[in-house]
Protein backbone atom coordinates (compact mmCIF):
# COMPACT_ATOMS: atom_id res chain seq x y z
CA MET A 1 0.04 -0.29 -0.09
CA SER A 2 1.15 3.61 -0.60
CA GLY A 3 0.32 6.67 0.31
CA THR A 4 -0.61 8.96 2.94
CA ALA A 5 -3.42 9.30 5.60
CA GLU A 6 -5.37 12.45 5.96
CA PRO A 7 -4.00 14.83 8.83
CA TYR A 8 -5.29 14.21 12.17
CA GLY A 9 -7.61 17.27 12.45
CA ILE A 10 -5.93 20.70 12.32
CA GLU A 11 -4.08 20.33 15.58
CA GLY A 12 -2.67 17.16 15.48
CA MET A 13 -3.18 13.72 17.45
CA PRO A 14 -2.76 13.92 20.98
CA LEU A 15 -0.03 11.90 22.29
CA LEU A 16 -1.63 9.01 24.08
CA GLU A 17 -3.35 8.53 21.21
CA ALA A 18 -0.79 8.32 18.87
CA GLN A 19 1.51 6.29 21.31
CA LYS A 20 -1.45 3.54 20.94
CA LYS A 21 -1.39 3.98 17.12
CA ILE A 22 1.60 3.32 16.96
CA LEU A 23 2.28 0.54 19.13
CA SER A 24 -0.54 -1.31 17.47
CA ALA A 25 1.00 -1.25 14.35
CA ILE A 26 4.16 -2.52 15.50
CA THR A 27 5.73 -6.07 15.54
CA PRO A 28 8.63 -7.86 17.13
CA THR A 29 11.14 -9.31 14.87
CA HIS A 30 11.71 -12.32 16.92
CA ASN A 31 15.61 -12.74 15.58
CA THR A 32 17.51 -14.33 18.40
CA GLU A 33 21.29 -15.01 19.58
CA THR A 34 22.90 -16.75 22.64
CA VAL A 35 24.82 -14.21 25.05
CA ALA A 36 26.83 -14.72 28.01
CA LEU A 37 25.35 -13.11 31.16
CA ASN A 38 27.72 -10.37 31.66
CA GLN A 39 26.98 -9.45 27.76
CA ALA A 40 23.33 -9.43 28.12
CA LEU A 41 22.53 -6.26 30.18
CA GLY A 42 19.98 -4.34 28.66
CA ARG A 43 18.78 -6.86 26.28
CA VAL A 44 15.39 -8.65 26.08
CA ASN A 45 15.34 -12.55 27.23
CA ALA A 46 13.82 -14.68 24.42
CA GLU A 47 12.54 -17.89 26.34
CA PRO A 48 11.46 -19.13 29.79
CA VAL A 49 14.46 -19.72 32.58
CA VAL A 50 13.63 -22.00 34.73
CA ALA A 51 15.98 -22.60 38.01
CA LEU A 52 17.63 -26.59 38.14
CA GLU A 53 17.40 -26.69 41.93
CA ALA A 54 16.91 -24.78 44.97
CA VAL A 55 19.16 -22.16 45.84
CA PRO A 56 20.85 -21.70 47.97
CA GLY A 57 20.27 -25.21 48.48
CA PHE A 58 20.83 -25.36 52.25
CA ARG A 59 19.63 -23.71 55.45
CA ALA A 60 22.15 -20.96 56.19
CA SER A 61 23.00 -18.46 58.90
CA VAL A 62 22.04 -15.15 58.63
CA MET A 63 24.79 -13.55 61.04
CA ASP A 64 27.59 -14.43 62.78
CA GLY A 65 26.42 -16.35 66.00
CA TYR A 66 25.77 -19.96 67.64
CA ALA A 67 23.85 -22.59 65.90
CA LEU A 68 21.93 -24.44 68.54
CA GLY A 69 20.20 -28.02 68.68
CA GLN A 70 16.58 -27.28 69.08
CA HIS A 71 13.63 -25.64 67.50
CA THR A 72 12.04 -23.68 70.21
CA GLN A 73 13.04 -20.19 71.21
CA PRO A 74 16.04 -20.43 73.56
CA GLN A 75 15.60 -18.18 77.26
CA GLN A 76 17.93 -16.33 79.13
CA GLY A 77 20.33 -18.62 81.42
CA ASP A 78 20.09 -21.53 78.72
CA GLN A 79 22.95 -23.30 78.16
CA TRP A 80 24.86 -25.49 75.55
CA THR A 81 28.12 -27.29 75.05
CA LEU A 82 29.97 -26.50 71.91
CA GLN A 83 30.77 -29.06 69.28
CA GLY A 84 32.76 -27.38 66.36
CA ARG A 85 32.35 -24.63 63.50
CA SER A 86 30.32 -24.15 60.72
CA ALA A 87 31.87 -21.70 57.93
CA PRO A 88 30.99 -20.88 54.37
CA GLY A 89 32.41 -23.32 51.85
CA ALA A 90 33.40 -25.39 55.24
CA PRO A 91 30.27 -26.94 56.88
CA PHE A 92 30.63 -28.72 60.54
CA GLN A 93 30.16 -32.53 59.78
CA GLY A 94 27.91 -34.25 62.09
CA SER A 95 24.77 -33.27 63.36
CA LEU A 96 23.45 -31.30 66.86
CA SER A 97 20.95 -32.92 69.54
CA ARG A 98 19.32 -30.34 72.04
CA GLY A 99 21.76 -29.02 74.55
CA GLU A 100 24.53 -28.91 71.55
CA ALA A 101 25.60 -25.62 69.66
CA ILE A 102 28.25 -24.89 67.34
CA ARG A 103 30.22 -21.84 66.18
CA ILE A 104 28.56 -20.39 62.66
CA LEU A 105 29.36 -17.89 60.39
CA THR A 106 27.26 -15.56 58.18
CA GLY A 107 26.36 -17.87 55.07
CA ALA A 108 27.78 -21.07 56.84
CA PRO A 109 25.71 -23.99 55.93
CA LEU A 110 23.16 -25.64 59.36
CA PRO A 111 24.08 -29.29 59.94
CA PRO A 112 21.10 -31.41 60.77
CA GLY A 113 19.28 -31.11 63.76
CA ALA A 114 20.14 -27.11 64.26
CA GLY A 115 17.17 -24.93 64.65
CA TRP A 116 18.03 -21.71 66.10
CA VAL A 117 20.69 -19.51 65.46
CA LEU A 118 21.63 -16.62 68.34
CA PRO A 119 23.60 -13.83 67.59
CA GLN A 120 27.07 -13.63 69.15
CA GLU A 121 26.59 -10.76 71.21
CA LEU A 122 23.89 -12.50 72.88
CA VAL A 123 26.05 -15.21 74.41
CA SER A 124 28.95 -15.70 77.15
CA THR A 125 31.35 -18.31 76.52
CA ARG A 126 33.39 -20.17 79.41
CA ASP A 127 35.32 -22.98 77.68
CA THR A 128 32.99 -25.37 75.40
CA GLU A 129 30.18 -23.72 77.53
CA LEU A 130 27.70 -21.23 76.39
CA THR A 131 25.10 -19.40 78.45
CA LEU A 132 22.62 -17.14 76.99
CA LYS A 133 22.81 -13.95 78.75
CA GLY A 134 19.94 -11.87 77.26
CA ASN A 135 16.39 -12.51 75.94
CA ALA A 136 16.57 -13.65 72.24
CA SER A 137 13.97 -12.40 69.54
CA ASP A 138 11.54 -14.88 68.30
CA ASN A 139 13.49 -14.65 65.01
CA PRO A 140 15.82 -17.77 64.51
CA TRP A 141 17.74 -16.13 62.06
CA ILE A 142 17.87 -19.19 59.61
CA ARG A 143 17.79 -18.39 55.69
CA ALA A 144 15.60 -20.95 54.18
CA ALA A 145 17.10 -23.53 51.62
CA ASP A 146 14.89 -22.21 48.87
CA GLU A 147 15.01 -18.46 50.31
CA GLU A 148 15.67 -17.27 46.56
CA CYS A 149 14.01 -20.13 44.42
CA LYS A 150 12.60 -23.20 44.61
CA ALA A 151 13.66 -26.16 41.95
CA LYS A 152 11.79 -25.58 38.55
CA ASP A 153 10.75 -22.05 39.86
CA CYS A 154 10.52 -19.95 36.80
CA LEU A 155 13.17 -17.31 37.09
CA LEU A 156 12.71 -15.06 33.58
CA ASN A 157 10.05 -15.04 31.43
CA PRO A 158 10.37 -14.18 27.49
CA GLY A 159 10.24 -10.63 26.84
CA GLN A 160 11.77 -9.23 29.91
CA ARG A 161 14.56 -6.56 29.78
CA LEU A 162 17.47 -7.82 31.81
CA THR A 163 18.45 -5.61 34.68
CA PRO A 164 21.45 -5.58 37.12
CA ALA A 165 19.12 -7.25 39.87
CA LEU A 166 17.94 -9.69 37.52
CA LEU A 167 21.38 -10.67 36.12
CA GLY A 168 22.57 -11.06 39.49
CA ARG A 169 19.67 -13.45 40.62
CA LEU A 170 20.39 -15.44 37.49
CA ALA A 171 23.74 -15.90 38.13
CA SER A 172 23.15 -16.69 42.05
CA CYS A 173 20.85 -19.37 40.54
CA GLY A 174 23.71 -21.26 38.05
CA VAL A 175 22.62 -19.31 35.09
CA ALA A 176 25.85 -18.79 32.66
CA GLN A 177 24.21 -17.83 29.36
CA LEU A 178 20.87 -16.70 27.82
CA LEU A 179 19.06 -16.42 24.67
CA VAL A 180 17.94 -12.90 24.03
CA TYR A 181 16.31 -11.28 20.96
CA GLN A 182 18.42 -9.21 18.53
CA GLN A 183 18.34 -5.68 18.91
CA PRO A 184 16.75 -3.45 15.95
CA ARG A 185 19.01 -1.71 13.54
CA ILE A 186 18.65 1.87 13.29
CA GLY A 187 19.03 3.66 10.41
CA LEU A 188 18.84 7.47 10.98
CA ILE A 189 18.24 10.23 8.12
CA ILE A 190 19.23 13.98 9.39
CA SER A 191 18.06 16.52 6.23
CA GLY A 192 19.00 20.09 5.70
CA ASP A 193 21.09 22.01 3.40
CA GLU A 194 22.29 24.20 6.25
CA LEU A 195 23.74 21.21 8.15
CA VAL A 196 27.93 21.31 8.47
CA PRO A 197 30.08 18.91 10.98
CA ALA A 198 31.34 20.00 14.04
CA GLY A 199 34.45 21.02 14.16
CA THR A 200 34.42 22.47 10.71
CA THR A 201 34.04 26.54 9.38
CA ARG A 202 30.57 27.41 9.46
CA PRO A 203 29.60 29.63 6.56
CA PRO A 204 26.99 32.59 6.63
CA GLY A 205 23.54 31.01 7.49
CA ALA A 206 24.90 27.45 8.32
CA ILE A 207 24.71 25.73 11.73
CA TRP A 208 26.74 22.64 13.01
CA GLU A 209 24.84 19.43 12.84
CA SER A 210 23.93 17.91 16.58
CA ASN A 211 20.80 15.77 16.50
CA GLY A 212 22.69 13.12 15.31
CA THR A 213 25.23 13.38 18.26
CA LEU A 214 21.87 14.49 20.70
CA LEU A 215 20.13 11.17 18.97
CA ILE A 216 22.64 8.73 18.90
CA ALA A 217 23.68 9.53 22.48
CA LEU A 218 20.21 9.04 23.48
CA PHE A 219 19.63 6.00 21.82
CA GLN A 220 22.74 3.87 23.70
CA LEU A 221 21.52 5.42 26.89
CA LEU A 222 18.28 3.79 26.24
CA GLY A 223 19.80 0.41 25.16
CA GLN A 224 19.48 0.93 21.23
CA ASP A 225 22.21 1.53 18.69
CA VAL A 226 22.11 3.53 15.30
CA VAL A 227 23.67 1.13 12.65
CA GLN A 228 23.87 3.50 9.87
CA LYS A 229 23.78 7.05 10.21
CA SER A 230 23.42 9.47 6.54
CA VAL A 231 23.57 13.63 6.48
CA VAL A 232 21.69 14.51 3.70
CA ALA A 233 20.83 17.80 1.92
CA ASP A 234 17.23 18.60 1.44
CA GLU A 235 17.49 17.15 -2.33
CA PRO A 236 14.61 14.78 -3.52
CA GLN A 237 16.46 12.10 -5.34
CA ALA A 238 19.31 11.77 -2.74
CA LEU A 239 17.05 11.65 0.38
CA ARG A 240 14.71 9.24 -1.29
CA GLN A 241 17.68 6.86 -2.47
CA THR A 242 18.66 6.71 1.13
CA LEU A 243 15.58 6.06 2.20
CA GLN A 244 15.30 2.97 -0.22
CA ASP A 245 18.57 1.96 1.17
CA LEU A 246 17.95 2.04 5.13
CA SER A 247 14.60 0.32 4.63
CA LYS A 248 16.41 -2.49 2.98
CA GLN A 249 19.30 -2.86 5.48
CA CYS A 250 17.57 -1.80 8.82
CA ASP A 251 14.54 -2.85 10.90
CA VAL A 252 13.44 1.10 11.67
CA VAL A 253 14.16 3.98 9.52
CA VAL A 254 14.21 7.26 11.78
CA SER A 255 14.61 10.77 10.09
CA THR A 256 14.92 14.17 11.61
CA GLY A 257 13.99 16.94 9.51
CA GLY A 258 12.06 17.32 6.89
CA VAL A 259 8.69 16.17 7.97
CA SER A 260 6.98 19.58 8.12
CA ALA A 261 4.90 21.70 5.47
CA GLY A 262 8.09 23.69 4.07
CA ASP A 263 9.31 24.17 0.54
CA SER A 264 12.17 22.22 0.98
CA ASP A 265 10.20 19.49 3.77
CA TRP A 266 11.14 16.65 0.98
CA ILE A 267 10.72 13.27 3.89
CA ARG A 268 7.43 13.12 4.26
CA PRO A 269 6.02 12.99 0.61
CA LEU A 270 8.75 10.67 0.03
CA VAL A 271 8.32 8.29 2.27
CA ALA A 272 3.94 8.47 1.06
CA GLU A 273 5.79 7.43 -2.45
CA LEU A 274 7.69 4.71 -0.89
CA GLY A 275 5.50 3.27 1.81
CA VAL A 276 2.67 4.93 3.99
CA VAL A 277 2.24 7.34 6.52
CA GLU A 278 -0.22 6.80 8.93
CA PHE A 279 -0.39 9.82 10.46
CA TRP A 280 1.36 13.53 10.72
CA LYS A 281 1.21 15.99 13.16
CA LEU A 282 1.28 16.15 17.06
CA PHE A 283 -0.71 18.16 19.28
CA LEU A 284 1.91 18.53 21.56
CA LYS A 285 4.72 21.11 22.33
CA PRO A 286 7.25 21.04 21.47
CA GLY A 287 7.00 18.09 18.80
CA ARG A 288 4.31 19.03 16.14
CA PRO A 289 5.91 18.18 13.03
CA PHE A 290 6.00 14.35 13.64
CA ALA A 291 5.16 11.58 11.15
CA PHE A 292 4.60 7.91 11.40
CA GLY A 293 4.55 5.30 8.35
CA SER A 294 6.29 2.75 7.08
CA LEU A 295 8.39 1.72 4.34
CA GLY A 296 9.21 -1.13 1.62
CA ASP A 297 8.17 -4.11 2.78
CA GLY A 298 6.88 -2.61 6.08
CA VAL A 299 9.71 -1.05 7.59
CA PRO A 300 8.81 1.42 10.27
CA PHE A 301 9.34 4.84 9.49
CA PHE A 302 9.55 7.78 12.06
CA GLY A 303 9.88 11.36 11.12
CA LEU A 304 11.05 13.42 14.02
CA PRO A 305 10.88 17.41 13.87
CA GLY A 306 13.92 19.45 12.95
CA ASN A 307 14.41 21.14 16.16
CA PRO A 308 16.85 19.32 18.61
CA VAL A 309 14.55 19.49 21.48
CA ALA A 310 11.36 18.52 20.02
CA ALA A 311 13.35 15.40 18.08
CA ALA A 312 14.59 14.40 21.50
CA ILE A 313 11.27 14.44 23.12
CA THR A 314 9.35 12.40 20.37
CA ALA A 315 12.21 10.08 20.15
CA ILE A 316 11.45 9.18 24.18
CA GLN A 317 7.62 8.99 23.94
CA LEU A 318 6.96 7.34 20.82
CA LEU A 319 9.99 6.10 19.19
CA TRP A 320 11.55 4.27 22.47
CA PRO A 321 8.24 2.64 23.32
CA ALA A 322 8.05 1.27 19.79
CA LEU A 323 11.91 0.02 19.58
CA GLN A 324 11.38 -1.71 22.71
CA THR A 325 8.39 -3.62 21.08
CA ILE A 326 10.54 -4.12 18.04
CA GLU A 327 12.98 -5.78 20.02
CA GLY A 328 10.43 -8.41 21.93
CA GLN A 329 9.92 -6.55 25.40
CA ALA A 330 6.29 -8.25 26.21
CA THR A 331 5.34 -4.63 28.56
CA PRO A 332 7.29 -1.18 27.05
CA GLU A 333 9.03 0.62 29.49
CA LEU A 334 7.42 4.08 30.16
CA PHE A 335 8.34 6.89 32.36
CA PRO A 336 6.64 7.05 35.55
CA ARG A 337 4.54 9.90 36.74
CA VAL A 338 4.69 11.57 39.76
CA ARG A 339 2.57 14.72 41.16
CA VAL A 340 4.89 17.89 42.07
CA GLU A 341 4.38 21.73 42.65
CA LEU A 342 5.64 24.36 40.34
CA ALA A 343 8.49 26.14 42.30
CA ASP A 344 7.76 29.44 40.55
CA GLN A 345 5.65 31.43 38.56
CA LEU A 346 4.90 30.41 35.01
CA GLN A 347 3.67 32.35 32.11
CA ARG A 348 3.08 30.45 28.99
CA ARG A 349 0.85 30.72 25.42
CA PRO A 350 -2.14 28.71 25.73
CA GLY A 351 -2.80 26.14 22.71
CA ARG A 352 -0.90 22.91 23.05
CA PRO A 353 0.09 20.60 25.67
CA GLU A 354 3.15 20.87 26.62
CA LEU A 355 6.17 18.44 27.99
CA ALA A 356 8.23 21.52 29.61
CA ARG A 357 11.70 20.43 30.81
CA ALA A 358 12.31 20.93 34.77
CA GLN A 359 14.75 19.77 37.44
CA LEU A 360 13.24 17.88 40.54
CA ASP A 361 13.90 19.70 44.12
CA VAL A 362 12.36 19.27 47.32
CA GLY A 363 10.81 21.84 49.72
CA SER A 364 10.88 22.27 53.18
CA SER A 365 7.66 20.50 53.75
CA GLY A 366 9.11 17.47 51.66
CA GLN A 367 6.84 18.33 49.01
CA LEU A 368 8.36 17.41 45.16
CA LEU A 369 8.84 20.64 43.22
CA ALA A 370 9.56 21.28 39.58
CA ARG A 371 12.17 24.03 38.78
CA LEU A 372 11.98 24.87 34.97
CA ASN A 373 15.08 24.38 33.11
CA GLY A 374 15.38 28.33 31.63
CA SER A 375 13.75 28.87 28.35
CA GLN A 376 11.68 26.56 26.58
CA ALA A 377 12.34 26.78 23.08
CA SER A 378 12.58 23.73 20.78
CA SER A 379 15.68 24.96 19.20
CA ARG A 380 17.35 25.46 22.80
CA ILE A 381 19.16 21.88 23.76
CA GLY A 382 20.20 23.30 27.29
CA SER A 383 16.77 22.88 28.36
CA LEU A 384 17.41 19.16 28.29
CA GLU A 385 20.55 19.55 30.69
CA GLY A 386 20.34 17.87 34.23
CA ALA A 387 16.31 17.54 33.39
CA ASP A 388 14.76 15.38 35.56
CA LEU A 389 10.90 15.57 34.63
CA LEU A 390 8.90 16.53 31.93
CA LEU A 391 6.14 18.78 33.67
CA GLU A 392 3.04 17.99 31.61
CA LEU A 393 1.38 21.35 31.22
CA PRO A 394 -2.28 21.25 29.83
CA ALA A 395 -3.19 22.92 26.50
CA GLU A 396 -5.40 26.02 28.35
CA ALA A 397 -2.33 26.57 31.15
CA GLU A 398 -1.63 30.26 30.58
CA HIS A 399 -0.83 31.88 34.37
CA LEU A 400 0.70 29.33 36.48
CA LYS A 401 1.23 30.28 40.47
CA PRO A 402 4.10 28.61 42.97
CA GLY A 403 2.50 26.17 44.82
CA GLU A 404 -0.31 25.20 41.92
CA GLN A 405 -0.09 21.05 41.49
CA LEU A 406 0.80 19.26 37.76
CA TRP A 407 1.68 16.08 36.84
CA ALA A 408 5.32 15.21 35.70
CA GLN A 409 7.15 12.47 33.92
CA LEU A 410 10.19 11.27 35.88
CA ILE A 411 12.88 11.00 33.25
CA ARG A 412 15.63 10.00 35.25
CA ARG A 413 15.84 6.07 35.19
CA THR A 414 15.56 3.33 37.60
CA VAL A 415 19.17 1.61 38.76
CA PHE A 416 18.28 -2.00 39.40
């Protein structure tokens, strides 16, 4: 099918509707490869991973102390006779009867018959005799043999993105390698007659090309890689050839610039010629000139705005969830929303919903505050620096006072 869909009204498509429309049109690639555990961070798991045995596989002490040959709560003044010692990797050889105890270290196996561990600070020792000198808690301080997992437990489902915590758990359960989905190959087109490389002399009216650096670094931070980048002048034949080449070599084609309605904006009509434009224009600031469609044999196409901030914002709102789906992630990760208060007065022109870049602060009463990062112009990359939040400003908002509550997307990512 070729052509272009009608624009979504005069204003453009609302952001949430655009997200749903894109994700409903995206399908995973399903290509897989096997990687070692230490190479799997950020990848998406492709098959169920099942525990072969219980972990840790033995009852272990939670702390340094003494393991007792009894299963009832000890009382002040109780006494036991020392029989030996158990350490990690060097367990006590034998069993314990009531009235017997062993010295035990954190993580060491408990012998048969042991049912309680006393912290060492509660015990006085004299030769081989132990005496409980205080009140013991009702916690036996024993780690169960299947605390981490039971045999045949499902440790990991297909479609889960691998985090440090997941990888650490898998290693603790003896897993050394994983089948993961291959990452989508991203082709990036940057269009514009005015662009020159950073580090070169800038002719009158030219600008140093920054979108490529910004977007490639952003994709890398989000666990995705651009495999091909092309900077192309606003010339239809060169752009057509680049679009065709990338659609044959990549799983996703992304452009920045050339999707608006100017005389030199060739990208959108070329995509309509080579495939289909599903929708064009967002009811959003920054980011109105955004296009989504497909090229060739259904290769997804994302036309990002040319202004760098608008390109970055639409990339994380619309392209990033789609890349996760293409890679096979079962549920695309979106940024959590939090309720915040404006730290300062804000004046804006009403018209479109806006995602304003802001820093997160904490007020004197513990409330979460949003401080805007200066000018919110979509050409000013500095508004992205140190941003913790994308503050959701309603379309009708005009005069906002300090203390007004708003929703914001928390764009600082989790560690584990």
